[in-house]
Amino acid sequence: MTTEAKDDGFEVQNFAGDEALGEEEPGRDAPVHIRIQQRNARKTITSVQGLATDLDLKKILKFFKRKFKCNGAVITDKTLGDVIQLQGDQRQGVKEFLLYHEIVHKDSIIVHGF
């Protein structure tokens, strides 16, 4: 994994190997990546990537924000597509939601992080 610094002070991480992003078209059988990123000493961000394009991500985000009592956003990226970002470590709750509502198969969810 390499890191590049931009002029605005933010860093962009490039994943390689098994963590390659955007290999398959988003859908029910495509892998959904749930990642956690360390923002600073105590703050983290959970990102959900690879959900099907026909889903209403804003409704899902609204549900997450109410259920987990956190803030979040839907980020649109050229290479990754739409990514849901949530404050805090919400990996387990997101995984349970996706399985309970049968949005993706259990085998398609990949949880990353420490």
N, C-alpha and C. Protein backbone atom coordinates (compact mmCIF):
# COMPACT_ATOMS: atom_id res chain seq x y z
N MET A 1 0.84 -1.16 0.00
CA MET A 1 0.00 0.00 0.00
C MET A 1 0.89 1.23 0.00
N THR A 2 0.65 2.15 -0.93
CA THR A 2 1.43 3.37 -1.00
C THR A 2 0.55 4.55 -0.64
N THR A 3 1.17 5.60 -0.16
CA THR A 3 0.45 6.79 0.24
C THR A 3 1.03 7.99 -0.49
N GLU A 4 0.15 8.81 -1.05
CA GLU A 4 0.57 10.01 -1.74
C GLU A 4 -0.01 11.22 -1.01
N ALA A 5 0.77 12.25 -0.82
CA ALA A 5 0.30 13.47 -0.17
C ALA A 5 -0.14 14.46 -1.23
N LYS A 6 -1.30 15.07 -1.01
CA LYS A 6 -1.80 16.09 -1.94
C LYS A 6 -1.48 17.47 -1.37
N ASP A 7 -1.70 18.49 -2.18
CA ASP A 7 -1.43 19.85 -1.75
C ASP A 7 -2.34 20.31 -0.63
N ASP A 8 -3.57 19.77 -0.54
CA ASP A 8 -4.53 20.23 0.46
C ASP A 8 -4.33 19.58 1.82
N GLY A 9 -3.31 18.75 2.01
CA GLY A 9 -3.02 18.17 3.30
C GLY A 9 -3.62 16.79 3.52
N PHE A 10 -4.48 16.33 2.63
CA PHE A 10 -5.09 15.02 2.77
C PHE A 10 -4.23 13.98 2.06
N GLU A 11 -4.36 12.73 2.50
CA GLU A 11 -3.59 11.66 1.90
C GLU A 11 -4.51 10.72 1.13
N VAL A 12 -4.02 10.18 0.04
CA VAL A 12 -4.74 9.20 -0.76
C VAL A 12 -4.00 7.89 -0.65
N GLN A 13 -4.72 6.81 -0.32
CA GLN A 13 -4.08 5.51 -0.20
C GLN A 13 -4.40 4.68 -1.42
N ASN A 14 -3.39 4.07 -2.00
CA ASN A 14 -3.56 3.18 -3.14
C ASN A 14 -3.38 1.76 -2.66
N PHE A 15 -4.38 0.91 -2.88
CA PHE A 15 -4.33 -0.48 -2.46
C PHE A 15 -3.87 -1.33 -3.63
N ALA A 16 -3.13 -2.37 -3.33
CA ALA A 16 -2.63 -3.26 -4.38
C ALA A 16 -2.86 -4.70 -3.96
N GLY A 17 -2.72 -5.60 -4.91
CA GLY A 17 -2.84 -7.04 -4.61
C GLY A 17 -4.27 -7.43 -4.32
N ASP A 18 -4.47 -8.14 -3.19
CA ASP A 18 -5.78 -8.64 -2.83
C ASP A 18 -6.78 -7.52 -2.53
N GLU A 19 -6.27 -6.34 -2.21
CA GLU A 19 -7.15 -5.24 -1.87
C GLU A 19 -7.47 -4.37 -3.08
N ALA A 20 -7.24 -4.86 -4.28
CA ALA A 20 -7.53 -4.08 -5.48
C ALA A 20 -9.00 -3.71 -5.51
N LEU A 21 -9.28 -2.49 -5.90
CA LEU A 21 -10.64 -1.97 -5.85
C LEU A 21 -11.22 -1.89 -7.25
N GLY A 22 -12.53 -2.02 -7.33
CA GLY A 22 -13.23 -1.82 -8.58
C GLY A 22 -13.03 -2.92 -9.60
N GLU A 23 -12.77 -4.13 -9.18
CA GLU A 23 -12.54 -5.21 -10.13
C GLU A 23 -13.83 -5.69 -10.77
N GLU A 24 -14.91 -5.75 -10.00
CA GLU A 24 -16.18 -6.24 -10.51
C GLU A 24 -17.21 -5.14 -10.51
N GLU A 25 -18.23 -5.31 -11.34
CA GLU A 25 -19.35 -4.37 -11.34
C GLU A 25 -20.12 -4.54 -10.05
N PRO A 26 -20.55 -3.45 -9.41
CA PRO A 26 -21.33 -3.57 -8.18
C PRO A 26 -22.64 -4.30 -8.44
N GLY A 27 -23.02 -5.15 -7.53
CA GLY A 27 -24.24 -5.93 -7.64
C GLY A 27 -24.38 -6.85 -6.46
N ARG A 28 -25.33 -7.76 -6.52
CA ARG A 28 -25.59 -8.65 -5.40
C ARG A 28 -24.44 -9.62 -5.16
N ASP A 29 -23.77 -10.08 -6.21
CA ASP A 29 -22.68 -11.05 -6.06
C ASP A 29 -21.31 -10.40 -6.00
N ALA A 30 -21.22 -9.11 -6.29
CA ALA A 30 -19.93 -8.43 -6.23
C ALA A 30 -19.52 -8.23 -4.78
N PRO A 31 -18.23 -8.22 -4.51
CA PRO A 31 -17.80 -8.05 -3.11
C PRO A 31 -18.11 -6.66 -2.59
N VAL A 32 -18.55 -6.61 -1.33
CA VAL A 32 -18.79 -5.35 -0.63
C VAL A 32 -17.71 -5.23 0.43
N HIS A 33 -16.94 -4.15 0.35
CA HIS A 33 -15.84 -3.94 1.27
C HIS A 33 -16.29 -2.99 2.38
N ILE A 34 -16.11 -3.42 3.63
CA ILE A 34 -16.39 -2.58 4.79
C ILE A 34 -15.04 -2.34 5.46
N ARG A 35 -14.60 -1.09 5.43
CA ARG A 35 -13.27 -0.75 5.93
C ARG A 35 -13.36 0.25 7.07
N ILE A 36 -12.35 0.26 7.89
CA ILE A 36 -12.21 1.26 8.94
C ILE A 36 -10.89 1.98 8.72
N GLN A 37 -10.92 3.31 8.87
CA GLN A 37 -9.73 4.12 8.72
C GLN A 37 -9.52 4.92 9.99
N GLN A 38 -8.30 5.00 10.44
CA GLN A 38 -7.97 5.81 11.60
C GLN A 38 -7.82 7.26 11.14
N ARG A 39 -8.62 8.15 11.72
CA ARG A 39 -8.56 9.56 11.35
C ARG A 39 -7.51 10.30 12.16
N ASN A 40 -7.54 10.15 13.45
CA ASN A 40 -6.49 10.67 14.33
C ASN A 40 -6.40 9.74 15.53
N ALA A 41 -5.94 10.20 16.65
CA ALA A 41 -5.67 9.31 17.78
C ALA A 41 -6.88 8.48 18.21
N ARG A 42 -8.08 9.07 18.26
CA ARG A 42 -9.24 8.34 18.76
C ARG A 42 -10.38 8.22 17.76
N LYS A 43 -10.34 8.95 16.69
CA LYS A 43 -11.46 9.00 15.74
C LYS A 43 -11.24 8.05 14.57
N THR A 44 -12.33 7.38 14.15
CA THR A 44 -12.25 6.47 13.01
C THR A 44 -13.39 6.75 12.04
N ILE A 45 -13.24 6.27 10.83
CA ILE A 45 -14.25 6.36 9.79
C ILE A 45 -14.48 4.97 9.23
N THR A 46 -15.76 4.59 9.09
CA THR A 46 -16.12 3.33 8.45
C THR A 46 -16.60 3.64 7.04
N SER A 47 -16.07 2.94 6.05
CA SER A 47 -16.52 3.15 4.66
C SER A 47 -17.03 1.83 4.09
N VAL A 48 -18.15 1.95 3.36
CA VAL A 48 -18.81 0.80 2.74
C VAL A 48 -18.76 1.03 1.23
N GLN A 49 -18.14 0.10 0.52
CA GLN A 49 -17.94 0.26 -0.91
C GLN A 49 -18.35 -0.99 -1.65
N GLY A 50 -18.91 -0.82 -2.84
CA GLY A 50 -19.25 -1.96 -3.69
C GLY A 50 -20.71 -2.34 -3.67
N LEU A 51 -21.58 -1.50 -3.07
CA LEU A 51 -23.01 -1.80 -3.07
C LEU A 51 -23.57 -1.63 -4.48
N ALA A 52 -24.65 -2.32 -4.76
CA ALA A 52 -25.28 -2.29 -6.09
C ALA A 52 -25.70 -0.86 -6.44
N THR A 53 -25.64 -0.54 -7.71
CA THR A 53 -25.97 0.81 -8.16
C THR A 53 -27.46 1.10 -8.11
N ASP A 54 -28.29 0.06 -8.06
CA ASP A 54 -29.74 0.30 -8.03
C ASP A 54 -30.28 0.58 -6.64
N LEU A 55 -29.43 0.52 -5.61
CA LEU A 55 -29.85 0.80 -4.24
C LEU A 55 -29.90 2.30 -4.00
N ASP A 56 -30.81 2.73 -3.14
CA ASP A 56 -30.90 4.13 -2.75
C ASP A 56 -29.96 4.34 -1.56
N LEU A 57 -28.74 4.75 -1.84
CA LEU A 57 -27.72 4.88 -0.81
C LEU A 57 -28.05 5.97 0.20
N LYS A 58 -28.77 6.99 -0.24
CA LYS A 58 -29.13 8.06 0.70
C LYS A 58 -30.11 7.56 1.75
N LYS A 59 -31.04 6.66 1.37
CA LYS A 59 -31.96 6.08 2.35
C LYS A 59 -31.21 5.16 3.32
N ILE A 60 -30.30 4.37 2.78
CA ILE A 60 -29.50 3.49 3.63
C ILE A 60 -28.67 4.32 4.59
N LEU A 61 -28.06 5.40 4.11
CA LEU A 61 -27.27 6.28 4.97
C LEU A 61 -28.13 6.90 6.06
N LYS A 62 -29.34 7.32 5.71
CA LYS A 62 -30.26 7.91 6.69
C LYS A 62 -30.59 6.90 7.80
N PHE A 63 -30.80 5.64 7.42
CA PHE A 63 -31.05 4.60 8.40
C PHE A 63 -29.84 4.39 9.30
N PHE A 64 -28.65 4.31 8.70
CA PHE A 64 -27.42 4.13 9.47
C PHE A 64 -27.23 5.26 10.47
N LYS A 65 -27.45 6.49 10.04
CA LYS A 65 -27.25 7.64 10.91
C LYS A 65 -28.19 7.60 12.11
N ARG A 66 -29.41 7.17 11.90
CA ARG A 66 -30.36 7.09 13.00
C ARG A 66 -30.06 5.90 13.92
N LYS A 67 -29.75 4.75 13.33
CA LYS A 67 -29.52 3.56 14.13
C LYS A 67 -28.24 3.64 14.94
N PHE A 68 -27.15 4.10 14.32
CA PHE A 68 -25.86 4.12 14.98
C PHE A 68 -25.57 5.44 15.69
N LYS A 69 -26.47 6.41 15.54
CA LYS A 69 -26.31 7.73 16.18
C LYS A 69 -24.95 8.34 15.83
N CYS A 70 -24.71 8.43 14.52
CA CYS A 70 -23.46 9.00 14.04
C CYS A 70 -23.75 9.81 12.78
N ASN A 71 -22.78 10.53 12.31
CA ASN A 71 -22.93 11.28 11.08
C ASN A 71 -22.31 10.48 9.94
N GLY A 72 -22.65 10.85 8.71
CA GLY A 72 -22.10 10.15 7.57
C GLY A 72 -22.38 10.89 6.28
N ALA A 73 -21.87 10.34 5.19
CA ALA A 73 -22.02 10.96 3.88
C ALA A 73 -21.88 9.90 2.80
N VAL A 74 -22.46 10.20 1.62
CA VAL A 74 -22.25 9.37 0.44
C VAL A 74 -21.26 10.11 -0.44
N ILE A 75 -20.11 9.49 -0.68
CA ILE A 75 -19.04 10.08 -1.47
C ILE A 75 -19.03 9.43 -2.85
N THR A 76 -18.98 10.24 -3.90
CA THR A 76 -18.91 9.72 -5.26
C THR A 76 -17.48 9.84 -5.77
N ASP A 77 -16.93 8.70 -6.19
CA ASP A 77 -15.56 8.65 -6.68
C ASP A 77 -15.58 8.09 -8.10
N LYS A 78 -14.68 8.57 -8.95
CA LYS A 78 -14.65 8.10 -10.34
C LYS A 78 -14.31 6.63 -10.45
N THR A 79 -13.34 6.16 -9.68
CA THR A 79 -12.91 4.77 -9.80
C THR A 79 -13.67 3.83 -8.87
N LEU A 80 -14.04 4.29 -7.66
CA LEU A 80 -14.67 3.42 -6.68
C LEU A 80 -16.19 3.43 -6.76
N GLY A 81 -16.77 4.42 -7.41
CA GLY A 81 -18.22 4.55 -7.43
C GLY A 81 -18.69 5.27 -6.19
N ASP A 82 -19.90 4.96 -5.73
CA ASP A 82 -20.45 5.58 -4.53
C ASP A 82 -19.98 4.82 -3.29
N VAL A 83 -19.51 5.57 -2.31
CA VAL A 83 -19.00 5.00 -1.07
C VAL A 83 -19.74 5.67 0.09
N ILE A 84 -20.24 4.86 1.03
CA ILE A 84 -20.87 5.39 2.24
C ILE A 84 -19.79 5.51 3.30
N GLN A 85 -19.68 6.71 3.90
CA GLN A 85 -18.74 6.92 4.99
C GLN A 85 -19.51 7.25 6.25
N LEU A 86 -19.14 6.60 7.36
CA LEU A 86 -19.78 6.81 8.65
C LEU A 86 -18.73 7.13 9.70
N GLN A 87 -19.10 7.94 10.67
CA GLN A 87 -18.18 8.23 11.76
C GLN A 87 -18.17 7.07 12.74
N GLY A 88 -17.00 6.74 13.22
CA GLY A 88 -16.87 5.68 14.21
C GLY A 88 -16.71 4.31 13.60
N ASP A 89 -16.56 3.31 14.46
CA ASP A 89 -16.40 1.92 14.04
C ASP A 89 -17.78 1.28 13.96
N GLN A 90 -18.36 1.24 12.77
CA GLN A 90 -19.70 0.70 12.56
C GLN A 90 -19.67 -0.57 11.72
N ARG A 91 -18.53 -1.24 11.64
CA ARG A 91 -18.37 -2.40 10.75
C ARG A 91 -19.37 -3.51 11.05
N GLN A 92 -19.51 -3.88 12.32
CA GLN A 92 -20.39 -5.00 12.67
C GLN A 92 -21.85 -4.66 12.39
N GLY A 93 -22.26 -3.46 12.74
CA GLY A 93 -23.65 -3.05 12.51
C GLY A 93 -24.00 -2.99 11.03
N VAL A 94 -23.09 -2.50 10.21
CA VAL A 94 -23.31 -2.44 8.76
C VAL A 94 -23.42 -3.84 8.19
N LYS A 95 -22.54 -4.73 8.62
CA LYS A 95 -22.57 -6.12 8.14
C LYS A 95 -23.90 -6.79 8.50
N GLU A 96 -24.34 -6.63 9.74
CA GLU A 96 -25.61 -7.22 10.17
C GLU A 96 -26.79 -6.65 9.37
N PHE A 97 -26.78 -5.35 9.09
CA PHE A 97 -27.85 -4.73 8.30
C PHE A 97 -27.89 -5.31 6.89
N LEU A 98 -26.74 -5.42 6.24
CA LEU A 98 -26.69 -5.93 4.87
C LEU A 98 -27.17 -7.38 4.80
N LEU A 99 -26.84 -8.18 5.80
CA LEU A 99 -27.27 -9.57 5.82
C LEU A 99 -28.74 -9.71 6.17
N TYR A 100 -29.21 -8.95 7.16
CA TYR A 100 -30.60 -9.04 7.61
C TYR A 100 -31.57 -8.66 6.50
N HIS A 101 -31.25 -7.62 5.75
CA HIS A 101 -32.12 -7.16 4.66
C HIS A 101 -31.80 -7.82 3.33
N GLU A 102 -30.90 -8.80 3.34
CA GLU A 102 -30.54 -9.60 2.17
C GLU A 102 -30.12 -8.73 0.98
N ILE A 103 -29.32 -7.71 1.28
CA ILE A 103 -28.81 -6.84 0.23
C ILE A 103 -27.66 -7.51 -0.50
N VAL A 104 -26.83 -8.23 0.25
CA VAL A 104 -25.72 -8.99 -0.34
C VAL A 104 -25.63 -10.35 0.34
N HIS A 105 -24.95 -11.29 -0.30
CA HIS A 105 -24.72 -12.61 0.28
C HIS A 105 -23.64 -12.51 1.35
N LYS A 106 -23.68 -13.44 2.27
CA LYS A 106 -22.69 -13.46 3.36
C LYS A 106 -21.27 -13.61 2.82
N ASP A 107 -21.11 -14.40 1.76
CA ASP A 107 -19.79 -14.63 1.19
C ASP A 107 -19.24 -13.41 0.47
N SER A 108 -20.11 -12.45 0.13
CA SER A 108 -19.68 -11.27 -0.64
C SER A 108 -19.20 -10.14 0.25
N ILE A 109 -19.36 -10.24 1.56
CA ILE A 109 -18.95 -9.16 2.46
C ILE A 109 -17.53 -9.41 2.93
N ILE A 110 -16.69 -8.40 2.75
CA ILE A 110 -15.30 -8.47 3.19
C ILE A 110 -15.09 -7.34 4.19
N VAL A 111 -14.77 -7.69 5.43
CA VAL A 111 -14.55 -6.70 6.47
C VAL A 111 -13.05 -6.54 6.68
N HIS A 112 -12.57 -5.30 6.53
CA HIS A 112 -11.15 -4.98 6.67
C HIS A 112 -10.95 -4.21 7.97
N GLY A 113 -9.76 -4.21 8.48
CA GLY A 113 -9.44 -3.37 9.62
C GLY A 113 -8.78 -4.13 10.73
N PHE A 114 -8.49 -3.41 11.77
CA PHE A 114 -7.76 -3.98 12.90
C PHE A 114 -8.73 -4.62 13.77
